[in-house]
All heavy atoms as atom14 arrays in JSON, in Angstrom:
{
  "sequence": "QTYEMTVTRASTYTLLGSAGILIGPPLVGWVSDRTGNRTLLMAV",
  "atom14_mask": [
    [1, 1, 1, 1, 1, 1, 1, 1, 1, 0, 0, 0, 0, 0],
    [1, 1, 1, 1, 1, 1, 1, 0, 0, 0, 0, 0, 0, 0],
    [1, 1, 1, 1, 1, 1, 1, 1, 1, 1, 1, 1, 0, 0],
    [1, 1, 1, 1, 1, 1, 1, 1, 1, 0, 0, 0, 0, 0],
    [1, 1, 1, 1, 1, 1, 1, 1, 0, 0, 0, 0, 0, 0],
    [1, 1, 1, 1, 1, 1, 1, 0, 0, 0, 0, 0, 0, 0],
    [1, 1, 1, 1, 1, 1, 1, 0, 0, 0, 0, 0, 0, 0],
    [1, 1, 1, 1, 1, 1, 1, 0, 0, 0, 0, 0, 0, 0],
    [1, 1, 1, 1, 1, 1, 1, 1, 1, 1, 1, 0, 0, 0],
    [1, 1, 1, 1, 1, 0, 0, 0, 0, 0, 0, 0, 0, 0],
    [1, 1, 1, 1, 1, 1, 0, 0, 0, 0, 0, 0, 0, 0],
    [1, 1, 1, 1, 1, 1, 1, 0, 0, 0, 0, 0, 0, 0],
    [1, 1, 1, 1, 1, 1, 1, 1, 1, 1, 1, 1, 0, 0],
    [1, 1, 1, 1, 1, 1, 1, 0, 0, 0, 0, 0, 0, 0],
    [1, 1, 1, 1, 1, 1, 1, 1, 0, 0, 0, 0, 0, 0],
    [1, 1, 1, 1, 1, 1, 1, 1, 0, 0, 0, 0, 0, 0],
    [1, 1, 1, 1, 0, 0, 0, 0, 0, 0, 0, 0, 0, 0],
    [1, 1, 1, 1, 1, 1, 0, 0, 0, 0, 0, 0, 0, 0],
    [1, 1, 1, 1, 1, 0, 0, 0, 0, 0, 0, 0, 0, 0],
    [1, 1, 1, 1, 0, 0, 0, 0, 0, 0, 0, 0, 0, 0],
    [1, 1, 1, 1, 1, 1, 1, 1, 0, 0, 0, 0, 0, 0],
    [1, 1, 1, 1, 1, 1, 1, 1, 0, 0, 0, 0, 0, 0],
    [1, 1, 1, 1, 1, 1, 1, 1, 0, 0, 0, 0, 0, 0],
    [1, 1, 1, 1, 0, 0, 0, 0, 0, 0, 0, 0, 0, 0],
    [1, 1, 1, 1, 1, 1, 1, 0, 0, 0, 0, 0, 0, 0],
    [1, 1, 1, 1, 1, 1, 1, 0, 0, 0, 0, 0, 0, 0],
    [1, 1, 1, 1, 1, 1, 1, 1, 0, 0, 0, 0, 0, 0],
    [1, 1, 1, 1, 1, 1, 1, 0, 0, 0, 0, 0, 0, 0],
    [1, 1, 1, 1, 0, 0, 0, 0, 0, 0, 0, 0, 0, 0],
    [1, 1, 1, 1, 1, 1, 1, 1, 1, 1, 1, 1, 1, 1],
    [1, 1, 1, 1, 1, 1, 1, 0, 0, 0, 0, 0, 0, 0],
    [1, 1, 1, 1, 1, 1, 0, 0, 0, 0, 0, 0, 0, 0],
    [1, 1, 1, 1, 1, 1, 1, 1, 0, 0, 0, 0, 0, 0],
    [1, 1, 1, 1, 1, 1, 1, 1, 1, 1, 1, 0, 0, 0],
    [1, 1, 1, 1, 1, 1, 1, 0, 0, 0, 0, 0, 0, 0],
    [1, 1, 1, 1, 0, 0, 0, 0, 0, 0, 0, 0, 0, 0],
    [1, 1, 1, 1, 1, 1, 1, 1, 0, 0, 0, 0, 0, 0],
    [1, 1, 1, 1, 1, 1, 1, 1, 1, 1, 1, 0, 0, 0],
    [1, 1, 1, 1, 1, 1, 1, 0, 0, 0, 0, 0, 0, 0],
    [1, 1, 1, 1, 1, 1, 1, 1, 0, 0, 0, 0, 0, 0],
    [1, 1, 1, 1, 1, 1, 1, 1, 0, 0, 0, 0, 0, 0],
    [1, 1, 1, 1, 1, 1, 1, 1, 0, 0, 0, 0, 0, 0],
    [1, 1, 1, 1, 1, 0, 0, 0, 0, 0, 0, 0, 0, 0],
    [1, 1, 1, 1, 1, 1, 1, 0, 0, 0, 0, 0, 0, 0]
  ],
  "atom14_positions": [
    [[-28.22, -43.43, 4.73], [-29.48, -44.0, 5.22], [-30.67, -43.19, 4.77], [-31.74, -43.78, 4.52], [-29.43, -44.07, 6.75], [-28.39, -45.03, 7.23], [-28.29, -45.11, 8.77], [-29.12, -44.59, 9.48], [-27.28, -45.81, 9.25], [0.0, 0.0, 0.0], [0.0, 0.0, 0.0], [0.0, 0.0, 0.0], [0.0, 0.0, 0.0], [0.0, 0.0, 0.0]],
    [[-30.57, -41.88, 4.6], [-31.67, -41.06, 4.22], [-31.89, -41.06, 2.73], [-33.05, -41.03, 2.24], [-31.53, -39.64, 4.73], [-31.32, -39.66, 6.15], [-32.74, -38.79, 4.43], [0.0, 0.0, 0.0], [0.0, 0.0, 0.0], [0.0, 0.0, 0.0], [0.0, 0.0, 0.0], [0.0, 0.0, 0.0], [0.0, 0.0, 0.0], [0.0, 0.0, 0.0]],
    [[-30.82, -41.08, 1.96], [-30.91, -40.98, 0.52], [-30.55, -42.3, -0.22], [-30.51, -42.37, -1.44], [-30.0, -39.87, -0.03], [-30.48, -38.48, 0.39], [-30.07, -37.94, 1.6], [-31.38, -37.75, -0.38], [-30.53, -36.66, 2.01], [-31.81, -36.51, -0.02], [-31.4, -35.98, 1.21], [-31.84, -34.72, 1.57], [0.0, 0.0, 0.0], [0.0, 0.0, 0.0]],
    [[-30.24, -43.34, 0.6], [-29.96, -44.67, 0.07], [-28.86, -44.64, -0.99], [-29.0, -45.16, -2.07], [-31.23, -45.31, -0.49], [-32.35, -45.49, 0.54], [-33.59, -46.12, -0.04], [-33.69, -46.21, -1.27], [-34.45, -46.52, 0.79], [0.0, 0.0, 0.0], [0.0, 0.0, 0.0], [0.0, 0.0, 0.0], [0.0, 0.0, 0.0], [0.0, 0.0, 0.0]],
    [[-27.75, -44.04, -0.63], [-26.58, -43.99, -1.55], [-25.43, -44.74, -0.91], [-25.42, -45.07, 0.29], [-26.21, -42.54, -1.86], [-25.88, -41.69, -0.68], [-25.34, -39.97, -1.12], [-26.83, -39.3, -1.82], [0.0, 0.0, 0.0], [0.0, 0.0, 0.0], [0.0, 0.0, 0.0], [0.0, 0.0, 0.0], [0.0, 0.0, 0.0], [0.0, 0.0, 0.0]],
    [[-24.43, -45.02, -1.71], [-23.24, -45.73, -1.22], [-22.39, -44.78, -0.36], [-22.52, -43.57, -0.45], [-22.37, -46.23, -2.4], [-21.86, -45.11, -3.11], [-23.16, -47.12, -3.32], [0.0, 0.0, 0.0], [0.0, 0.0, 0.0], [0.0, 0.0, 0.0], [0.0, 0.0, 0.0], [0.0, 0.0, 0.0], [0.0, 0.0, 0.0], [0.0, 0.0, 0.0]],
    [[-21.5, -45.38, 0.46], [-20.59, -44.59, 1.26], [-19.71, -43.68, 0.36], [-19.5, -42.51, 0.67], [-19.73, -45.5, 2.14], [-18.6, -44.69, 2.84], [-20.6, -46.16, 3.22], [0.0, 0.0, 0.0], [0.0, 0.0, 0.0], [0.0, 0.0, 0.0], [0.0, 0.0, 0.0], [0.0, 0.0, 0.0], [0.0, 0.0, 0.0], [0.0, 0.0, 0.0]],
    [[-19.22, -44.25, -0.72], [-18.36, -43.46, -1.61], [-19.07, -42.25, -2.17], [-18.53, -41.16, -2.19], [-17.79, -44.37, -2.75], [-17.1, -45.46, -2.18], [-16.9, -43.56, -3.65], [0.0, 0.0, 0.0], [0.0, 0.0, 0.0], [0.0, 0.0, 0.0], [0.0, 0.0, 0.0], [0.0, 0.0, 0.0], [0.0, 0.0, 0.0], [0.0, 0.0, 0.0]],
    [[-20.32, -42.45, -2.63], [-21.06, -41.34, -3.18], [-21.41, -40.33, -2.08], [-21.32, -39.11, -2.27], [-22.33, -41.79, -3.87], [-23.08, -40.65, -4.57], [-24.34, -41.06, -5.22], [-25.08, -39.87, -5.66], [-26.39, -39.78, -5.75], [-27.14, -40.84, -5.43], [-26.94, -38.67, -6.16], [0.0, 0.0, 0.0], [0.0, 0.0, 0.0], [0.0, 0.0, 0.0]],
    [[-21.81, -40.85, -0.91], [-22.11, -39.93, 0.2], [-20.91, -39.07, 0.6], [-21.07, -37.9, 0.94], [-22.59, -40.74, 1.41], [0.0, 0.0, 0.0], [0.0, 0.0, 0.0], [0.0, 0.0, 0.0], [0.0, 0.0, 0.0], [0.0, 0.0, 0.0], [0.0, 0.0, 0.0], [0.0, 0.0, 0.0], [0.0, 0.0, 0.0], [0.0, 0.0, 0.0]],
    [[-19.73, -39.65, 0.52], [-18.52, -38.94, 0.89], [-18.25, -37.76, -0.03], [-17.54, -36.83, 0.36], [-17.31, -39.89, 0.92], [-16.98, -40.27, -0.39], [0.0, 0.0, 0.0], [0.0, 0.0, 0.0], [0.0, 0.0, 0.0], [0.0, 0.0, 0.0], [0.0, 0.0, 0.0], [0.0, 0.0, 0.0], [0.0, 0.0, 0.0], [0.0, 0.0, 0.0]],
    [[-18.8, -37.78, -1.27], [-18.6, -36.64, -2.16], [-19.32, -35.41, -1.64], [-18.94, -34.26, -1.94], [-19.06, -36.94, -3.6], [-20.48, -37.2, -3.59], [-18.34, -38.14, -4.17], [0.0, 0.0, 0.0], [0.0, 0.0, 0.0], [0.0, 0.0, 0.0], [0.0, 0.0, 0.0], [0.0, 0.0, 0.0], [0.0, 0.0, 0.0], [0.0, 0.0, 0.0]],
    [[-20.39, -35.61, -0.88], [-21.13, -34.44, -0.32], [-20.4, -33.9, 0.91], [-20.38, -32.66, 1.1], [-22.59, -34.84, -0.01], [-23.38, -35.05, -1.23], [-23.47, -36.28, -1.86], [-24.05, -33.98, -1.85], [-24.18, -36.49, -3.05], [-24.77, -34.16, -3.01], [-24.8, -35.41, -3.61], [-25.52, -35.61, -4.79], [0.0, 0.0, 0.0], [0.0, 0.0, 0.0]],
    [[-19.86, -34.75, 1.75], [-19.04, -34.21, 2.84], [-17.74, -33.6, 2.3], [-17.18, -32.68, 2.92], [-18.72, -35.3, 3.89], [-18.14, -36.41, 3.25], [-19.97, -35.74, 4.59], [0.0, 0.0, 0.0], [0.0, 0.0, 0.0], [0.0, 0.0, 0.0], [0.0, 0.0, 0.0], [0.0, 0.0, 0.0], [0.0, 0.0, 0.0], [0.0, 0.0, 0.0]],
    [[-17.32, -34.08, 1.12], [-16.17, -33.45, 0.43], [-16.47, -31.97, 0.15], [-15.61, -31.15, 0.21], [-15.84, -34.21, -0.84], [-14.64, -33.75, -1.68], [-14.07, -34.95, -2.44], [-15.01, -32.66, -2.68], [0.0, 0.0, 0.0], [0.0, 0.0, 0.0], [0.0, 0.0, 0.0], [0.0, 0.0, 0.0], [0.0, 0.0, 0.0], [0.0, 0.0, 0.0]],
    [[-17.75, -31.68, -0.18], [-18.11, -30.29, -0.46], [-17.91, -29.43, 0.79], [-17.51, -28.27, 0.7], [-19.59, -30.22, -0.88], [-19.92, -30.77, -2.27], [-21.41, -30.75, -2.52], [-19.21, -29.91, -3.36], [0.0, 0.0, 0.0], [0.0, 0.0, 0.0], [0.0, 0.0, 0.0], [0.0, 0.0, 0.0], [0.0, 0.0, 0.0], [0.0, 0.0, 0.0]],
    [[-18.19, -30.0, 1.98], [-17.93, -29.26, 3.2], [-16.48, -28.96, 3.37], [-16.05, -27.83, 3.72], [0.0, 0.0, 0.0], [0.0, 0.0, 0.0], [0.0, 0.0, 0.0], [0.0, 0.0, 0.0], [0.0, 0.0, 0.0], [0.0, 0.0, 0.0], [0.0, 0.0, 0.0], [0.0, 0.0, 0.0], [0.0, 0.0, 0.0], [0.0, 0.0, 0.0]],
    [[-15.61, -29.92, 3.09], [-14.16, -29.73, 3.2], [-13.65, -28.77, 2.14], [-12.75, -27.98, 2.38], [-13.43, -31.08, 3.07], [-13.8, -31.94, 4.15], [0.0, 0.0, 0.0], [0.0, 0.0, 0.0], [0.0, 0.0, 0.0], [0.0, 0.0, 0.0], [0.0, 0.0, 0.0], [0.0, 0.0, 0.0], [0.0, 0.0, 0.0], [0.0, 0.0, 0.0]],
    [[-14.3, -28.82, 0.93], [-13.94, -27.85, -0.09], [-14.28, -26.43, 0.35], [-13.53, -25.49, 0.08], [-14.66, -28.19, -1.42], [0.0, 0.0, 0.0], [0.0, 0.0, 0.0], [0.0, 0.0, 0.0], [0.0, 0.0, 0.0], [0.0, 0.0, 0.0], [0.0, 0.0, 0.0], [0.0, 0.0, 0.0], [0.0, 0.0, 0.0], [0.0, 0.0, 0.0]],
    [[-15.39, -26.27, 1.04], [-15.75, -25.01, 1.57], [-14.71, -24.5, 2.6], [-14.36, -23.32, 2.6], [0.0, 0.0, 0.0], [0.0, 0.0, 0.0], [0.0, 0.0, 0.0], [0.0, 0.0, 0.0], [0.0, 0.0, 0.0], [0.0, 0.0, 0.0], [0.0, 0.0, 0.0], [0.0, 0.0, 0.0], [0.0, 0.0, 0.0], [0.0, 0.0, 0.0]],
    [[-14.21, -25.41, 3.44], [-13.17, -25.04, 4.39], [-11.86, -24.67, 3.67], [-11.1, -23.79, 4.09], [-12.92, -26.22, 5.37], [-14.15, -26.46, 6.25], [-11.69, -25.94, 6.27], [-14.09, -27.66, 7.13], [0.0, 0.0, 0.0], [0.0, 0.0, 0.0], [0.0, 0.0, 0.0], [0.0, 0.0, 0.0], [0.0, 0.0, 0.0], [0.0, 0.0, 0.0]],
    [[-11.62, -25.3, 2.54], [-10.43, -24.97, 1.74], [-10.51, -23.57, 1.19], [-9.48, -22.86, 1.13], [-10.32, -26.0, 0.57], [-9.17, -25.82, -0.4], [-7.86, -25.95, 0.3], [-9.3, -26.82, -1.53], [0.0, 0.0, 0.0], [0.0, 0.0, 0.0], [0.0, 0.0, 0.0], [0.0, 0.0, 0.0], [0.0, 0.0, 0.0], [0.0, 0.0, 0.0]],
    [[-11.7, -23.11, 0.84], [-11.84, -21.81, 0.16], [-12.22, -20.7, 1.16], [-11.65, -19.59, 1.07], [-12.95, -21.91, -0.95], [-12.56, -22.89, -2.01], [-13.19, -20.52, -1.57], [-13.69, -23.27, -2.94], [0.0, 0.0, 0.0], [0.0, 0.0, 0.0], [0.0, 0.0, 0.0], [0.0, 0.0, 0.0], [0.0, 0.0, 0.0], [0.0, 0.0, 0.0]],
    [[-13.13, -20.96, 2.05], [-13.67, -19.91, 2.89], [-12.72, -19.23, 3.87], [-12.59, -17.98, 3.8], [0.0, 0.0, 0.0], [0.0, 0.0, 0.0], [0.0, 0.0, 0.0], [0.0, 0.0, 0.0], [0.0, 0.0, 0.0], [0.0, 0.0, 0.0], [0.0, 0.0, 0.0], [0.0, 0.0, 0.0], [0.0, 0.0, 0.0], [0.0, 0.0, 0.0]],
    [[-12.03, -19.98, 4.71], [-11.16, -19.3, 5.71], [-10.08, -18.39, 5.1], [-9.9, -17.27, 5.56], [-10.55, -20.45, 6.48], [-11.62, -21.52, 6.4], [-12.19, -21.39, 5.02], [0.0, 0.0, 0.0], [0.0, 0.0, 0.0], [0.0, 0.0, 0.0], [0.0, 0.0, 0.0], [0.0, 0.0, 0.0], [0.0, 0.0, 0.0], [0.0, 0.0, 0.0]],
    [[-9.36, -18.82, 4.03], [-8.39, -17.89, 3.44], [-9.06, -16.63, 2.85], [-8.55, -15.53, 2.98], [-7.7, -18.7, 2.31], [-7.93, -20.11, 2.66], [-9.27, -20.13, 3.36], [0.0, 0.0, 0.0], [0.0, 0.0, 0.0], [0.0, 0.0, 0.0], [0.0, 0.0, 0.0], [0.0, 0.0, 0.0], [0.0, 0.0, 0.0], [0.0, 0.0, 0.0]],
    [[-10.2, -16.8, 2.23], [-10.94, -15.66, 1.58], [-11.44, -14.72, 2.64], [-11.22, -13.47, 2.58], [-12.04, -16.16, 0.73], [-12.83, -15.05, -0.03], [-11.92, -14.23, -0.89], [-13.95, -15.68, -0.83], [0.0, 0.0, 0.0], [0.0, 0.0, 0.0], [0.0, 0.0, 0.0], [0.0, 0.0, 0.0], [0.0, 0.0, 0.0], [0.0, 0.0, 0.0]],
    [[-12.1, -15.27, 3.68], [-12.59, -14.43, 4.77], [-11.44, -13.74, 5.49], [-11.54, -12.55, 5.85], [-13.47, -15.24, 5.74], [-13.87, -14.38, 6.95], [-14.71, -15.74, 5.04], [0.0, 0.0, 0.0], [0.0, 0.0, 0.0], [0.0, 0.0, 0.0], [0.0, 0.0, 0.0], [0.0, 0.0, 0.0], [0.0, 0.0, 0.0], [0.0, 0.0, 0.0]],
    [[-10.33, -14.45, 5.72], [-9.18, -13.88, 6.38], [-8.57, -12.77, 5.57], [-8.19, -11.69, 6.1], [0.0, 0.0, 0.0], [0.0, 0.0, 0.0], [0.0, 0.0, 0.0], [0.0, 0.0, 0.0], [0.0, 0.0, 0.0], [0.0, 0.0, 0.0], [0.0, 0.0, 0.0], [0.0, 0.0, 0.0], [0.0, 0.0, 0.0], [0.0, 0.0, 0.0]],
    [[-8.53, -12.93, 4.22], [-7.97, -11.9, 3.33], [-8.86, -10.66, 3.4], [-8.34, -9.52, 3.5], [-7.93, -12.43, 1.91], [-7.44, -11.42, 0.89], [-6.13, -11.06, 0.65], [-8.27, -10.62, 0.03], [-6.1, -10.11, -0.32], [-7.38, -9.81, -0.73], [-9.61, -10.53, -0.19], [-7.83, -8.94, -1.69], [-10.11, -9.63, -1.16], [-9.24, -8.83, -1.89]],
    [[-10.2, -10.83, 3.34], [-11.11, -9.68, 3.41], [-10.95, -8.98, 4.75], [-10.92, -7.74, 4.86], [-12.57, -10.14, 3.22], [-13.52, -8.97, 3.52], [-12.79, -10.64, 1.8], [0.0, 0.0, 0.0], [0.0, 0.0, 0.0], [0.0, 0.0, 0.0], [0.0, 0.0, 0.0], [0.0, 0.0, 0.0], [0.0, 0.0, 0.0], [0.0, 0.0, 0.0]],
    [[-10.81, -9.76, 5.82], [-10.66, -9.19, 7.17], [-9.37, -8.39, 7.29], [-9.36, -7.32, 7.85], [-10.74, -10.31, 8.21], [-10.62, -9.78, 9.5], [0.0, 0.0, 0.0], [0.0, 0.0, 0.0], [0.0, 0.0, 0.0], [0.0, 0.0, 0.0], [0.0, 0.0, 0.0], [0.0, 0.0, 0.0], [0.0, 0.0, 0.0], [0.0, 0.0, 0.0]],
    [[-8.28, -8.94, 6.75], [-7.01, -8.24, 6.8], [-7.08, -6.91, 5.96], [-6.52, -5.89, 6.35], [-5.86, -9.1, 6.27], [-5.38, -10.08, 7.32], [-5.57, -9.81, 8.51], [-4.79, -11.13, 6.93], [0.0, 0.0, 0.0], [0.0, 0.0, 0.0], [0.0, 0.0, 0.0], [0.0, 0.0, 0.0], [0.0, 0.0, 0.0], [0.0, 0.0, 0.0]],
    [[-7.72, -6.99, 4.8], [-7.85, -5.82, 3.92], [-8.7, -4.74, 4.56], [-8.44, -3.52, 4.42], [-8.39, -6.2, 2.55], [-7.43, -7.01, 1.69], [-6.22, -6.18, 1.29], [-6.6, -5.07, 0.43], [-6.63, -5.1, -0.87], [-6.32, -6.22, -1.53], [-6.96, -4.02, -1.57], [0.0, 0.0, 0.0], [0.0, 0.0, 0.0], [0.0, 0.0, 0.0]],
    [[-9.8, -5.12, 5.23], [-10.72, -4.12, 5.75], [-10.5, -3.79, 7.23], [-10.96, -2.78, 7.74], [-12.16, -4.65, 5.62], [-12.33, -5.81, 6.4], [-12.52, -4.95, 4.18], [0.0, 0.0, 0.0], [0.0, 0.0, 0.0], [0.0, 0.0, 0.0], [0.0, 0.0, 0.0], [0.0, 0.0, 0.0], [0.0, 0.0, 0.0], [0.0, 0.0, 0.0]],
    [[-9.71, -4.68, 7.9], [-9.53, -4.52, 9.32], [-10.72, -4.92, 10.19], [-10.74, -4.69, 11.4], [0.0, 0.0, 0.0], [0.0, 0.0, 0.0], [0.0, 0.0, 0.0], [0.0, 0.0, 0.0], [0.0, 0.0, 0.0], [0.0, 0.0, 0.0], [0.0, 0.0, 0.0], [0.0, 0.0, 0.0], [0.0, 0.0, 0.0], [0.0, 0.0, 0.0]],
    [[-11.73, -5.46, 9.54], [-12.95, -5.83, 10.26], [-12.89, -7.31, 10.65], [-12.61, -8.18, 9.84], [-14.17, -5.57, 9.39], [-15.44, -5.52, 10.16], [-15.78, -6.5, 10.87], [-16.13, -4.41, 10.12], [0.0, 0.0, 0.0], [0.0, 0.0, 0.0], [0.0, 0.0, 0.0], [0.0, 0.0, 0.0], [0.0, 0.0, 0.0], [0.0, 0.0, 0.0]],
    [[-13.19, -7.57, 11.92], [-13.16, -8.93, 12.42], [-14.53, -9.33, 12.89], [-15.15, -10.31, 12.39], [-12.18, -9.07, 13.59], [-10.79, -8.45, 13.41], [-9.98, -9.16, 12.36], [-8.57, -8.74, 12.44], [-7.73, -8.84, 11.44], [-8.1, -9.32, 10.29], [-6.45, -8.43, 11.58], [0.0, 0.0, 0.0], [0.0, 0.0, 0.0], [0.0, 0.0, 0.0]],
    [[-15.09, -8.63, 13.88], [-16.29, -9.08, 14.55], [-17.56, -9.0, 13.7], [-18.43, -9.88, 13.81], [-16.49, -8.27, 15.86], [-16.55, -6.89, 15.55], [-15.34, -8.49, 16.81], [0.0, 0.0, 0.0], [0.0, 0.0, 0.0], [0.0, 0.0, 0.0], [0.0, 0.0, 0.0], [0.0, 0.0, 0.0], [0.0, 0.0, 0.0], [0.0, 0.0, 0.0]],
    [[-17.67, -8.0, 12.81], [-18.83, -7.92, 11.97], [-18.88, -9.1, 11.0], [-19.91, -9.74, 10.77], [-18.89, -6.6, 11.18], [-20.08, -6.41, 10.26], [-21.38, -6.5, 11.02], [-19.94, -5.1, 9.48], [0.0, 0.0, 0.0], [0.0, 0.0, 0.0], [0.0, 0.0, 0.0], [0.0, 0.0, 0.0], [0.0, 0.0, 0.0], [0.0, 0.0, 0.0]],
    [[-17.73, -9.41, 10.39], [-17.67, -10.55, 9.49], [-18.03, -11.81, 10.22], [-18.71, -12.73, 9.69], [-16.25, -10.65, 8.9], [-15.88, -9.69, 7.75], [-14.41, -9.81, 7.44], [-16.74, -9.97, 6.53], [0.0, 0.0, 0.0], [0.0, 0.0, 0.0], [0.0, 0.0, 0.0], [0.0, 0.0, 0.0], [0.0, 0.0, 0.0], [0.0, 0.0, 0.0]],
    [[-17.54, -11.96, 11.46], [-17.84, -13.13, 12.23], [-19.37, -13.26, 12.46], [-19.94, -14.34, 12.29], [-17.12, -13.09, 13.6], [-17.5, -14.25, 14.52], [-16.73, -14.14, 16.18], [-15.09, -14.81, 15.8], [0.0, 0.0, 0.0], [0.0, 0.0, 0.0], [0.0, 0.0, 0.0], [0.0, 0.0, 0.0], [0.0, 0.0, 0.0], [0.0, 0.0, 0.0]],
    [[-20.05, -12.17, 12.82], [-21.48, -12.21, 13.13], [-22.29, -12.5, 11.89], [-23.22, -13.35, 11.91], [-21.89, -10.87, 13.73], [0.0, 0.0, 0.0], [0.0, 0.0, 0.0], [0.0, 0.0, 0.0], [0.0, 0.0, 0.0], [0.0, 0.0, 0.0], [0.0, 0.0, 0.0], [0.0, 0.0, 0.0], [0.0, 0.0, 0.0], [0.0, 0.0, 0.0]],
    [[-21.96, -11.86, 10.79], [-22.69, -12.13, 9.55], [-22.51, -13.58, 9.09], [-23.46, -14.28, 8.66], [-22.24, -11.15, 8.43], [-22.81, -11.55, 7.1], [-22.64, -9.73, 8.78], [0.0, 0.0, 0.0], [0.0, 0.0, 0.0], [0.0, 0.0, 0.0], [0.0, 0.0, 0.0], [0.0, 0.0, 0.0], [0.0, 0.0, 0.0], [0.0, 0.0, 0.0]]
  ]
}
């Protein structure tokens, strides 16, 4: 409604959010396990 695009094209942008979920949690979890830091990473 805001950018006047089709549902299929709009879904590619929400796909980016899901792609972020695909990459971010394992990477942040790996860094947290390696450093032992939990709460600082959460706050940042």
